[in-house]
Amino acid sequence: IFLNRVREQAYRERLVRMGATLASEVAGRSLYRNPDILGHRLDRLQTVFPGMDVAQMMWKSPDVVKLPIKTVVSRFVSLRWTLTNVGDVSTIVEGQPGILLRHSGEIAGEMAALANEFPAVDVGAVVVREPCLLTAECELTRRLKRLAELRRRDRLSPSMRIFYDGSDGSGNAMLFAKVFMEETKPHDGNWW
């Protein structure tokens, strides 16, 4: 317990030191530069996410701490309704807190599009293995468009093709997550 408190305090101190570069607007800069206000916000978030390392979560996605608590709670509850087939949504949010910056409708749409493209794949299990799929930075919709273009040009790799053909291994969520992320990433900064 002592080590956890020391680590949490270290994360909080780093967040405060990084304030000038993390926050783009005046209100954000003042939040990150004031240890008392930041500590209060982190304490409030800790009540929303008991048992989680909130300071580490905010280290991963510092903009979440600027959201009003009502928004954080609302988005978290919405995610629980949206991601019913995922299991423990708390674990996913702890690992990828940036998904709280998105609206659940966007996430639901992307999950549905992924499930429609790959009906044999358990999309919930894929998200558990690779929760970054739910972040805005992942650009899931863009990745699906890239995949559609590769498929149209008949340039799918054999690894990706098994998930369309239903071949052996096509139900493996971890394999799908890794292949999908690798096959759909931009190459040399170019999506096509």
N, C-alpha and C. Protein backbone atom coordinates (compact mmCIF):
# COMPACT_ATOMS: atom_id res chain seq x y z
N ILE A 1 0.84 -1.19 0.00
CA ILE A 1 0.00 0.00 0.00
C ILE A 1 0.88 1.24 0.00
N PHE A 2 1.94 1.24 0.79
CA PHE A 2 2.83 2.39 0.85
C PHE A 2 3.43 2.69 -0.53
N LEU A 3 3.89 1.63 -1.22
CA LEU A 3 4.49 1.83 -2.54
C LEU A 3 3.48 2.38 -3.53
N ASN A 4 2.22 1.92 -3.45
CA ASN A 4 1.18 2.45 -4.33
C ASN A 4 0.96 3.93 -4.09
N ARG A 5 0.96 4.35 -2.84
CA ARG A 5 0.78 5.77 -2.52
C ARG A 5 1.96 6.59 -3.03
N VAL A 6 3.16 6.08 -2.89
CA VAL A 6 4.35 6.78 -3.37
C VAL A 6 4.28 6.92 -4.89
N ARG A 7 3.91 5.84 -5.58
CA ARG A 7 3.80 5.88 -7.03
C ARG A 7 2.71 6.86 -7.46
N GLU A 8 1.56 6.83 -6.80
CA GLU A 8 0.48 7.75 -7.13
C GLU A 8 0.91 9.19 -6.93
N GLN A 9 1.61 9.46 -5.85
CA GLN A 9 2.09 10.82 -5.59
C GLN A 9 3.08 11.24 -6.68
N ALA A 10 3.92 10.32 -7.11
CA ALA A 10 4.87 10.64 -8.18
C ALA A 10 4.14 10.97 -9.48
N TYR A 11 3.09 10.20 -9.81
CA TYR A 11 2.30 10.50 -11.01
C TYR A 11 1.66 11.88 -10.90
N ARG A 12 1.11 12.19 -9.74
CA ARG A 12 0.47 13.50 -9.54
C ARG A 12 1.48 14.62 -9.72
N GLU A 13 2.65 14.46 -9.14
CA GLU A 13 3.68 15.50 -9.26
C GLU A 13 4.11 15.68 -10.71
N ARG A 14 4.24 14.58 -11.46
CA ARG A 14 4.61 14.68 -12.88
C ARG A 14 3.53 15.37 -13.68
N LEU A 15 2.26 15.07 -13.37
CA LEU A 15 1.16 15.74 -14.07
C LEU A 15 1.23 17.24 -13.86
N VAL A 16 1.49 17.67 -12.65
CA VAL A 16 1.59 19.10 -12.36
C VAL A 16 2.76 19.71 -13.13
N ARG A 17 3.91 19.04 -13.13
CA ARG A 17 5.09 19.57 -13.85
C ARG A 17 4.85 19.66 -15.35
N MET A 18 4.06 18.73 -15.88
CA MET A 18 3.81 18.71 -17.32
C MET A 18 2.71 19.67 -17.74
N GLY A 19 2.09 20.36 -16.81
CA GLY A 19 0.93 21.19 -17.09
C GLY A 19 1.05 22.11 -18.27
N ALA A 20 2.14 22.79 -18.40
CA ALA A 20 2.29 23.78 -19.47
C ALA A 20 2.24 23.13 -20.85
N THR A 21 2.76 21.92 -20.97
CA THR A 21 2.77 21.29 -22.29
C THR A 21 1.53 20.45 -22.55
N LEU A 22 0.88 19.96 -21.50
CA LEU A 22 -0.29 19.11 -21.69
C LEU A 22 -1.54 19.90 -22.03
N ALA A 23 -1.70 21.03 -21.38
CA ALA A 23 -2.95 21.77 -21.52
C ALA A 23 -2.80 22.85 -22.58
N SER A 24 -3.79 22.94 -23.45
CA SER A 24 -3.71 23.90 -24.54
C SER A 24 -4.42 25.21 -24.20
N GLU A 25 -5.44 25.18 -23.38
CA GLU A 25 -6.16 26.41 -23.06
C GLU A 25 -5.82 26.87 -21.64
N VAL A 26 -6.17 28.12 -21.35
CA VAL A 26 -5.81 28.74 -20.08
C VAL A 26 -6.35 27.95 -18.90
N ALA A 27 -7.63 27.52 -18.96
CA ALA A 27 -8.22 26.78 -17.85
C ALA A 27 -7.47 25.47 -17.61
N GLY A 28 -7.09 24.82 -18.67
CA GLY A 28 -6.34 23.57 -18.53
C GLY A 28 -4.98 23.78 -17.92
N ARG A 29 -4.29 24.85 -18.36
CA ARG A 29 -2.98 25.13 -17.80
C ARG A 29 -3.07 25.43 -16.31
N SER A 30 -4.10 26.19 -15.91
CA SER A 30 -4.23 26.51 -14.49
C SER A 30 -4.55 25.26 -13.68
N LEU A 31 -5.33 24.33 -14.24
CA LEU A 31 -5.65 23.09 -13.55
C LEU A 31 -4.38 22.28 -13.30
N TYR A 32 -3.56 22.12 -14.32
CA TYR A 32 -2.37 21.29 -14.18
C TYR A 32 -1.27 21.95 -13.36
N ARG A 33 -1.26 23.25 -13.29
CA ARG A 33 -0.21 23.94 -12.52
C ARG A 33 -0.54 24.06 -11.04
N ASN A 34 -1.79 23.84 -10.70
CA ASN A 34 -2.19 23.99 -9.30
C ASN A 34 -2.34 22.60 -8.68
N PRO A 35 -1.39 22.20 -7.85
CA PRO A 35 -1.44 20.85 -7.28
C PRO A 35 -2.69 20.59 -6.44
N ASP A 36 -3.20 21.62 -5.77
CA ASP A 36 -4.39 21.43 -4.93
C ASP A 36 -5.63 21.13 -5.79
N ILE A 37 -5.81 21.90 -6.84
CA ILE A 37 -6.97 21.68 -7.72
C ILE A 37 -6.83 20.33 -8.42
N LEU A 38 -5.65 20.04 -8.93
CA LEU A 38 -5.43 18.76 -9.60
C LEU A 38 -5.66 17.61 -8.63
N GLY A 39 -5.14 17.73 -7.41
CA GLY A 39 -5.34 16.69 -6.41
C GLY A 39 -6.82 16.48 -6.11
N HIS A 40 -7.56 17.58 -6.03
CA HIS A 40 -9.00 17.49 -5.77
C HIS A 40 -9.71 16.76 -6.92
N ARG A 41 -9.34 17.10 -8.16
CA ARG A 41 -9.96 16.44 -9.33
C ARG A 41 -9.62 14.94 -9.35
N LEU A 42 -8.36 14.63 -9.04
CA LEU A 42 -7.96 13.22 -9.01
C LEU A 42 -8.69 12.47 -7.90
N ASP A 43 -8.87 13.12 -6.75
CA ASP A 43 -9.61 12.48 -5.65
C ASP A 43 -11.06 12.22 -6.05
N ARG A 44 -11.67 13.17 -6.75
CA ARG A 44 -13.05 12.97 -7.20
C ARG A 44 -13.13 11.83 -8.22
N LEU A 45 -12.16 11.78 -9.11
CA LEU A 45 -12.13 10.68 -10.07
C LEU A 45 -11.90 9.34 -9.38
N GLN A 46 -11.12 9.37 -8.30
CA GLN A 46 -10.87 8.13 -7.55
C GLN A 46 -12.16 7.59 -6.96
N THR A 47 -13.09 8.47 -6.57
CA THR A 47 -14.37 8.00 -6.05
C THR A 47 -15.22 7.36 -7.15
N VAL A 48 -15.03 7.82 -8.38
CA VAL A 48 -15.75 7.23 -9.51
C VAL A 48 -15.14 5.88 -9.88
N PHE A 49 -13.82 5.76 -9.75
CA PHE A 49 -13.11 4.55 -10.13
C PHE A 49 -12.35 3.97 -8.93
N PRO A 50 -13.07 3.48 -7.93
CA PRO A 50 -12.37 2.93 -6.76
C PRO A 50 -11.57 1.69 -7.15
N GLY A 51 -10.41 1.57 -6.54
CA GLY A 51 -9.57 0.41 -6.82
C GLY A 51 -8.69 0.57 -8.04
N MET A 52 -8.87 1.65 -8.79
CA MET A 52 -8.04 1.89 -9.96
C MET A 52 -6.99 2.94 -9.63
N ASP A 53 -5.90 2.92 -10.36
CA ASP A 53 -4.85 3.91 -10.20
C ASP A 53 -5.18 5.10 -11.09
N VAL A 54 -5.98 6.02 -10.56
CA VAL A 54 -6.48 7.16 -11.33
C VAL A 54 -5.33 8.06 -11.79
N ALA A 55 -4.33 8.25 -10.95
CA ALA A 55 -3.21 9.10 -11.36
C ALA A 55 -2.50 8.52 -12.58
N GLN A 56 -2.34 7.21 -12.61
CA GLN A 56 -1.72 6.57 -13.77
C GLN A 56 -2.64 6.69 -14.99
N MET A 57 -3.94 6.55 -14.79
CA MET A 57 -4.88 6.71 -15.89
C MET A 57 -4.75 8.10 -16.51
N MET A 58 -4.66 9.12 -15.65
CA MET A 58 -4.57 10.49 -16.15
C MET A 58 -3.21 10.75 -16.78
N TRP A 59 -2.20 10.02 -16.36
CA TRP A 59 -0.89 10.12 -16.99
C TRP A 59 -1.00 9.64 -18.44
N LYS A 60 -1.78 8.59 -18.66
CA LYS A 60 -1.97 8.05 -20.00
C LYS A 60 -2.81 8.97 -20.86
N SER A 61 -3.83 9.57 -20.27
CA SER A 61 -4.76 10.42 -21.02
C SER A 61 -5.10 11.66 -20.18
N PRO A 62 -4.22 12.63 -20.16
CA PRO A 62 -4.38 13.78 -19.27
C PRO A 62 -5.62 14.64 -19.51
N ASP A 63 -6.17 14.60 -20.71
CA ASP A 63 -7.35 15.44 -20.98
C ASP A 63 -8.60 14.96 -20.24
N VAL A 64 -8.61 13.72 -19.80
CA VAL A 64 -9.77 13.20 -19.06
C VAL A 64 -9.99 13.97 -17.76
N VAL A 65 -8.90 14.38 -17.12
CA VAL A 65 -9.03 15.08 -15.83
C VAL A 65 -9.72 16.44 -16.01
N LYS A 66 -9.72 16.97 -17.20
CA LYS A 66 -10.37 18.26 -17.45
C LYS A 66 -11.87 18.12 -17.68
N LEU A 67 -12.35 16.90 -17.92
CA LEU A 67 -13.78 16.70 -18.13
C LEU A 67 -14.54 16.90 -16.81
N PRO A 68 -15.73 17.45 -16.88
CA PRO A 68 -16.55 17.51 -15.66
C PRO A 68 -16.84 16.09 -15.17
N ILE A 69 -16.90 15.93 -13.87
CA ILE A 69 -17.14 14.60 -13.27
C ILE A 69 -18.44 14.00 -13.80
N LYS A 70 -19.47 14.81 -13.97
CA LYS A 70 -20.74 14.29 -14.51
C LYS A 70 -20.54 13.68 -15.89
N THR A 71 -19.71 14.30 -16.69
CA THR A 71 -19.44 13.78 -18.03
C THR A 71 -18.69 12.46 -17.95
N VAL A 72 -17.70 12.38 -17.08
CA VAL A 72 -16.93 11.14 -16.91
C VAL A 72 -17.86 10.00 -16.49
N VAL A 73 -18.70 10.27 -15.48
CA VAL A 73 -19.62 9.25 -14.98
C VAL A 73 -20.61 8.85 -16.08
N SER A 74 -21.16 9.83 -16.76
CA SER A 74 -22.13 9.55 -17.82
C SER A 74 -21.51 8.71 -18.93
N ARG A 75 -20.31 9.06 -19.35
CA ARG A 75 -19.66 8.30 -20.43
C ARG A 75 -19.28 6.90 -19.97
N PHE A 76 -18.87 6.77 -18.72
CA PHE A 76 -18.52 5.44 -18.21
C PHE A 76 -19.76 4.55 -18.16
N VAL A 77 -20.86 5.08 -17.65
CA VAL A 77 -22.11 4.30 -17.60
C VAL A 77 -22.57 3.95 -19.01
N SER A 78 -22.48 4.91 -19.92
CA SER A 78 -22.87 4.65 -21.31
C SER A 78 -22.01 3.55 -21.93
N LEU A 79 -20.72 3.57 -21.60
CA LEU A 79 -19.84 2.52 -22.11
C LEU A 79 -20.25 1.15 -21.60
N ARG A 80 -20.68 1.10 -20.33
CA ARG A 80 -21.13 -0.19 -19.78
C ARG A 80 -22.33 -0.73 -20.56
N TRP A 81 -23.21 0.15 -21.00
CA TRP A 81 -24.36 -0.27 -21.79
C TRP A 81 -23.97 -0.59 -23.23
N THR A 82 -23.02 0.16 -23.74
CA THR A 82 -22.57 -0.02 -25.12
C THR A 82 -21.75 -1.29 -25.29
N LEU A 83 -20.88 -1.57 -24.33
CA LEU A 83 -19.95 -2.69 -24.43
C LEU A 83 -20.40 -3.88 -23.59
N THR A 84 -21.63 -4.30 -23.78
CA THR A 84 -22.18 -5.38 -22.97
C THR A 84 -21.47 -6.71 -23.21
N ASN A 85 -20.91 -6.89 -24.39
CA ASN A 85 -20.25 -8.17 -24.71
C ASN A 85 -18.75 -8.14 -24.43
N VAL A 86 -18.28 -7.15 -23.68
CA VAL A 86 -16.85 -7.00 -23.44
C VAL A 86 -16.42 -7.54 -22.10
N GLY A 87 -17.29 -7.61 -21.15
CA GLY A 87 -16.89 -8.07 -19.82
C GLY A 87 -16.68 -6.89 -18.90
N ASP A 88 -15.50 -6.79 -18.31
CA ASP A 88 -15.21 -5.75 -17.34
C ASP A 88 -14.78 -4.47 -18.04
N VAL A 89 -15.71 -3.56 -18.21
CA VAL A 89 -15.44 -2.28 -18.87
C VAL A 89 -14.45 -1.45 -18.04
N SER A 90 -14.47 -1.61 -16.74
CA SER A 90 -13.55 -0.87 -15.87
C SER A 90 -12.09 -1.15 -16.24
N THR A 91 -11.78 -2.40 -16.50
CA THR A 91 -10.41 -2.76 -16.87
C THR A 91 -10.00 -2.09 -18.17
N ILE A 92 -10.93 -2.04 -19.11
CA ILE A 92 -10.64 -1.41 -20.40
C ILE A 92 -10.42 0.09 -20.21
N VAL A 93 -11.27 0.72 -19.41
CA VAL A 93 -11.13 2.16 -19.16
C VAL A 93 -9.83 2.45 -18.40
N GLU A 94 -9.47 1.59 -17.47
CA GLU A 94 -8.21 1.79 -16.75
C GLU A 94 -7.02 1.71 -17.69
N GLY A 95 -7.07 0.77 -18.63
CA GLY A 95 -5.96 0.61 -19.57
C GLY A 95 -5.95 1.66 -20.68
N GLN A 96 -7.13 2.11 -21.08
CA GLN A 96 -7.26 3.10 -22.16
C GLN A 96 -8.24 4.19 -21.74
N PRO A 97 -7.88 5.02 -20.78
CA PRO A 97 -8.82 6.04 -20.29
C PRO A 97 -9.24 7.04 -21.35
N GLY A 98 -8.50 7.13 -22.43
CA GLY A 98 -8.85 8.05 -23.50
C GLY A 98 -10.21 7.77 -24.13
N ILE A 99 -10.74 6.57 -23.95
CA ILE A 99 -12.06 6.29 -24.52
C ILE A 99 -13.14 7.12 -23.83
N LEU A 100 -12.84 7.64 -22.64
CA LEU A 100 -13.80 8.52 -21.96
C LEU A 100 -13.91 9.87 -22.65
N LEU A 101 -13.02 10.17 -23.56
CA LEU A 101 -13.07 11.41 -24.32
C LEU A 101 -14.02 11.29 -25.52
N ARG A 102 -14.49 10.08 -25.77
CA ARG A 102 -15.37 9.82 -26.92
C ARG A 102 -16.80 9.58 -26.46
N HIS A 103 -17.72 9.77 -27.36
CA HIS A 103 -19.12 9.48 -27.08
C HIS A 103 -19.38 8.01 -27.37
N SER A 104 -20.22 7.42 -26.56
CA SER A 104 -20.48 5.98 -26.70
C SER A 104 -21.14 5.64 -28.03
N GLY A 105 -21.87 6.58 -28.61
CA GLY A 105 -22.49 6.34 -29.91
C GLY A 105 -21.46 6.10 -31.00
N GLU A 106 -20.36 6.84 -30.95
CA GLU A 106 -19.27 6.65 -31.91
C GLU A 106 -18.66 5.25 -31.74
N ILE A 107 -18.44 4.90 -30.48
CA ILE A 107 -17.84 3.60 -30.19
C ILE A 107 -18.77 2.48 -30.61
N ALA A 108 -20.05 2.62 -30.31
CA ALA A 108 -21.02 1.59 -30.70
C ALA A 108 -21.06 1.42 -32.21
N GLY A 109 -21.02 2.53 -32.94
CA GLY A 109 -21.02 2.46 -34.40
C GLY A 109 -19.80 1.74 -34.95
N GLU A 110 -18.65 2.03 -34.37
CA GLU A 110 -17.43 1.37 -34.82
C GLU A 110 -17.43 -0.12 -34.48
N MET A 111 -17.93 -0.44 -33.29
CA MET A 111 -18.01 -1.86 -32.91
C MET A 111 -18.95 -2.61 -33.86
N ALA A 112 -20.08 -1.99 -34.20
CA ALA A 112 -21.04 -2.62 -35.12
C ALA A 112 -20.42 -2.80 -36.50
N ALA A 113 -19.69 -1.78 -36.97
CA ALA A 113 -19.05 -1.88 -38.28
C ALA A 113 -18.01 -3.01 -38.30
N LEU A 114 -17.26 -3.14 -37.23
CA LEU A 114 -16.26 -4.20 -37.14
C LEU A 114 -16.94 -5.57 -37.12
N ALA A 115 -18.02 -5.69 -36.35
CA ALA A 115 -18.77 -6.95 -36.28
C ALA A 115 -19.41 -7.30 -37.62
N ASN A 116 -19.90 -6.30 -38.33
CA ASN A 116 -20.50 -6.54 -39.65
C ASN A 116 -19.46 -7.01 -40.66
N GLU A 117 -18.27 -6.44 -40.57
CA GLU A 117 -17.20 -6.81 -41.51
C GLU A 117 -16.67 -8.21 -41.22
N PHE A 118 -16.68 -8.59 -39.93
CA PHE A 118 -16.13 -9.88 -39.52
C PHE A 118 -17.12 -10.60 -38.60
N PRO A 119 -18.20 -11.16 -39.16
CA PRO A 119 -19.22 -11.79 -38.32
C PRO A 119 -18.75 -13.00 -37.52
N ALA A 120 -17.69 -13.66 -37.96
CA ALA A 120 -17.20 -14.84 -37.24
C ALA A 120 -16.29 -14.47 -36.07
N VAL A 121 -15.95 -13.20 -35.94
CA VAL A 121 -15.02 -12.76 -34.91
C VAL A 121 -15.80 -12.21 -33.72
N ASP A 122 -15.43 -12.60 -32.54
CA ASP A 122 -16.03 -12.08 -31.31
C ASP A 122 -15.40 -10.71 -31.03
N VAL A 123 -16.08 -9.66 -31.47
CA VAL A 123 -15.55 -8.30 -31.37
C VAL A 123 -15.32 -7.91 -29.91
N GLY A 124 -16.17 -8.36 -29.01
CA GLY A 124 -15.98 -8.08 -27.59
C GLY A 124 -14.66 -8.62 -27.08
N ALA A 125 -14.35 -9.84 -27.47
CA ALA A 125 -13.08 -10.45 -27.05
C ALA A 125 -11.89 -9.73 -27.68
N VAL A 126 -12.07 -9.23 -28.89
CA VAL A 126 -11.01 -8.48 -29.56
C VAL A 126 -10.71 -7.20 -28.78
N VAL A 127 -11.76 -6.51 -28.34
CA VAL A 127 -11.59 -5.26 -27.59
C VAL A 127 -10.92 -5.52 -26.24
N VAL A 128 -11.24 -6.64 -25.63
CA VAL A 128 -10.58 -6.99 -24.37
C VAL A 128 -9.07 -7.16 -24.61
N ARG A 129 -8.71 -7.80 -25.72
CA ARG A 129 -7.29 -8.02 -26.04
C ARG A 129 -6.59 -6.75 -26.51
N GLU A 130 -7.33 -5.90 -27.23
CA GLU A 130 -6.73 -4.71 -27.84
C GLU A 130 -7.66 -3.51 -27.63
N PRO A 131 -7.77 -3.03 -26.38
CA PRO A 131 -8.71 -1.94 -26.09
C PRO A 131 -8.38 -0.63 -26.79
N CYS A 132 -7.17 -0.51 -27.32
CA CYS A 132 -6.83 0.72 -28.03
C CYS A 132 -7.70 0.89 -29.28
N LEU A 133 -8.36 -0.18 -29.74
CA LEU A 133 -9.27 -0.07 -30.87
C LEU A 133 -10.37 0.96 -30.60
N LEU A 134 -10.69 1.18 -29.33
CA LEU A 134 -11.77 2.09 -28.98
C LEU A 134 -11.32 3.55 -28.88
N THR A 135 -10.03 3.81 -28.97
CA THR A 135 -9.56 5.18 -28.84
C THR A 135 -9.69 5.92 -30.16
N ALA A 136 -9.81 7.22 -30.08
CA ALA A 136 -9.90 8.04 -31.29
C ALA A 136 -8.61 7.93 -32.12
N GLU A 137 -7.48 7.79 -31.43
CA GLU A 137 -6.19 7.71 -32.12
C GLU A 137 -6.08 6.47 -33.01
N CYS A 138 -6.80 5.45 -32.70
CA CYS A 138 -6.75 4.21 -33.49
C CYS A 138 -7.38 4.41 -34.86
N GLU A 139 -8.36 5.28 -34.94
CA GLU A 139 -9.06 5.56 -36.19
C GLU A 139 -9.64 4.29 -36.81
N LEU A 140 -10.47 3.60 -36.04
CA LEU A 140 -11.03 2.32 -36.47
C LEU A 140 -11.80 2.44 -37.79
N THR A 141 -12.60 3.48 -37.93
CA THR A 141 -13.36 3.65 -39.18
C THR A 141 -12.42 3.78 -40.37
N ARG A 142 -11.36 4.52 -40.19
CA ARG A 142 -10.38 4.69 -41.27
C ARG A 142 -9.68 3.37 -41.56
N ARG A 143 -9.40 2.61 -40.52
CA ARG A 143 -8.77 1.30 -40.71
C ARG A 143 -9.69 0.36 -41.50
N LEU A 144 -10.98 0.41 -41.20
CA LEU A 144 -11.94 -0.43 -41.93
C LEU A 144 -12.02 0.00 -43.40
N LYS A 145 -11.95 1.30 -43.66
CA LYS A 145 -11.95 1.78 -45.04
C LYS A 145 -10.69 1.31 -45.77
N ARG A 146 -9.57 1.36 -45.08
CA ARG A 146 -8.31 0.88 -45.68
C ARG A 146 -8.44 -0.60 -46.03
N LEU A 147 -9.02 -1.35 -45.11
CA LEU A 147 -9.20 -2.78 -45.33
C LEU A 147 -10.13 -3.05 -46.52
N ALA A 148 -11.20 -2.28 -46.61
CA ALA A 148 -12.13 -2.43 -47.74
C ALA A 148 -11.43 -2.14 -49.06
N GLU A 149 -10.56 -1.13 -49.06
CA GLU A 149 -9.81 -0.80 -50.28
C GLU A 149 -8.83 -1.91 -50.63
N LEU A 150 -8.14 -2.45 -49.64
CA LEU A 150 -7.24 -3.57 -49.90
C LEU A 150 -8.00 -4.77 -50.43
N ARG A 151 -9.17 -5.00 -49.88
CA ARG A 151 -10.00 -6.13 -50.32
C ARG A 151 -10.49 -5.90 -51.76
N ARG A 152 -10.90 -4.67 -52.05
CA ARG A 152 -11.37 -4.33 -53.40
C ARG A 152 -10.25 -4.55 -54.43
N ARG A 153 -9.04 -4.21 -54.05
CA ARG A 153 -7.89 -4.36 -54.95
C ARG A 153 -7.32 -5.79 -54.93
N ASP A 154 -7.94 -6.65 -54.15
CA ASP A 154 -7.47 -8.03 -53.98
C ASP A 154 -6.02 -8.06 -53.48
N ARG A 155 -5.76 -7.22 -52.46
CA ARG A 155 -4.42 -7.13 -51.91
C ARG A 155 -4.39 -7.50 -50.43
N LEU A 156 -5.38 -8.25 -49.99
CA LEU A 156 -5.37 -8.72 -48.60
C LEU A 156 -4.26 -9.73 -48.40
N SER A 157 -3.65 -9.67 -47.26
CA SER A 157 -2.62 -10.66 -46.94
C SER A 157 -3.31 -11.98 -46.61
N PRO A 158 -2.59 -13.09 -46.74
CA PRO A 158 -3.17 -14.38 -46.35
C PRO A 158 -3.60 -14.39 -44.88
N SER A 159 -2.88 -13.67 -44.03
CA SER A 159 -3.23 -13.62 -42.61
C SER A 159 -4.59 -12.96 -42.41
N MET A 160 -4.87 -11.91 -43.15
CA MET A 160 -6.15 -11.21 -43.00
C MET A 160 -7.27 -11.98 -43.68
N ARG A 161 -6.93 -12.65 -44.76
CA ARG A 161 -7.94 -13.38 -45.54
C ARG A 161 -8.64 -14.48 -44.72
N ILE A 162 -7.91 -15.08 -43.76
CA ILE A 162 -8.54 -16.17 -43.00
C ILE A 162 -9.74 -15.68 -42.19
N PHE A 163 -9.77 -14.40 -41.85
CA PHE A 163 -10.89 -13.88 -41.07
C PHE A 163 -12.10 -13.61 -41.95
N TYR A 164 -11.89 -13.52 -43.24
CA TYR A 164 -13.01 -13.42 -44.18
C TYR A 164 -13.48 -14.80 -44.61
N ASP A 165 -12.54 -15.74 -44.76
CA ASP A 165 -12.86 -17.07 -45.25
C ASP A 165 -13.44 -17.98 -44.17
N GLY A 166 -13.22 -17.64 -42.92
CA GLY A 166 -13.66 -18.52 -41.83
C GLY A 166 -12.74 -19.72 -41.66
N SER A 167 -11.51 -19.58 -42.11
CA SER A 167 -10.52 -20.67 -42.01
C SER A 167 -10.15 -20.92 -40.57
N ASP A 168 -9.36 -21.97 -40.35
CA ASP A 168 -8.87 -22.28 -39.01
C ASP A 168 -8.17 -21.05 -38.43
N GLY A 169 -8.48 -20.75 -37.19
CA GLY A 169 -7.88 -19.60 -36.52
C GLY A 169 -8.70 -18.34 -36.63
N SER A 170 -9.74 -18.36 -37.46
CA SER A 170 -10.52 -17.13 -37.66
C SER A 170 -11.32 -16.72 -36.43
N GLY A 171 -11.49 -17.62 -35.48
CA GLY A 171 -12.21 -17.27 -34.26
C GLY A 171 -11.30 -16.84 -33.13
N ASN A 172 -10.00 -16.77 -33.37
CA ASN A 172 -9.04 -16.39 -32.34
C ASN A 172 -8.98 -14.87 -32.22
N ALA A 173 -9.53 -14.34 -31.13
CA ALA A 173 -9.63 -12.89 -30.95
C ALA A 173 -8.26 -12.23 -30.86
N MET A 174 -7.33 -12.85 -30.16
CA MET A 174 -6.01 -12.25 -30.01
C MET A 174 -5.29 -12.20 -31.36
N LEU A 175 -5.38 -13.28 -32.13
CA LEU A 175 -4.76 -13.30 -33.45
C LEU A 175 -5.40 -12.24 -34.34
N PHE A 176 -6.73 -12.16 -34.31
CA PHE A 176 -7.41 -11.16 -35.13
C PHE A 176 -6.95 -9.75 -34.75
N ALA A 177 -6.90 -9.46 -33.47
CA ALA A 177 -6.51 -8.12 -33.02
C ALA A 177 -5.14 -7.75 -33.55
N LYS A 178 -4.20 -8.65 -33.43
CA LYS A 178 -2.83 -8.36 -33.87
C LYS A 178 -2.75 -8.21 -35.39
N VAL A 179 -3.37 -9.12 -36.11
CA VAL A 179 -3.34 -9.06 -37.57
C VAL A 179 -4.07 -7.81 -38.06
N PHE A 180 -5.23 -7.53 -37.50
CA PHE A 180 -6.00 -6.36 -37.92
C PHE A 180 -5.20 -5.08 -37.69
N MET A 181 -4.61 -4.92 -36.52
CA MET A 181 -3.85 -3.71 -36.21
C MET A 181 -2.64 -3.58 -37.13
N GLU A 182 -1.98 -4.67 -37.42
CA GLU A 182 -0.80 -4.63 -38.30
C GLU A 182 -1.18 -4.37 -39.75
N GLU A 183 -2.19 -5.07 -40.23
CA GLU A 183 -2.57 -4.98 -41.65
C GLU A 183 -3.23 -3.66 -42.02
N THR A 184 -3.81 -2.99 -41.05
CA THR A 184 -4.56 -1.77 -41.38
C THR A 184 -3.84 -0.49 -40.97
N LYS A 185 -2.64 -0.59 -40.44
CA LYS A 185 -1.94 0.63 -40.04
C LYS A 185 -1.40 1.35 -41.28
N PRO A 186 -1.28 2.66 -41.17
CA PRO A 186 -0.72 3.39 -42.31
C PRO A 186 0.76 3.04 -42.49
N HIS A 187 1.21 3.00 -43.72
CA HIS A 187 2.60 2.70 -44.01
C HIS A 187 3.30 3.98 -44.45
N ASP A 188 4.38 4.29 -43.78
CA ASP A 188 5.13 5.52 -44.04
C ASP A 188 4.23 6.76 -43.95
N GLY A 189 3.27 6.70 -43.00
CA GLY A 189 2.36 7.84 -42.80
C GLY A 189 1.27 7.94 -43.83
N ASN A 190 1.20 6.99 -44.74
CA ASN A 190 0.22 7.02 -45.80
C ASN A 190 -0.79 5.87 -45.61
N TRP A 191 -2.07 6.19 -45.61
CA TRP A 191 -3.10 5.17 -45.43
C TRP A 191 -3.27 4.30 -46.67
N TRP A 192 -2.87 4.76 -47.82
CA TRP A 192 -3.07 3.98 -49.04
C TRP A 192 -1.74 3.68 -49.65
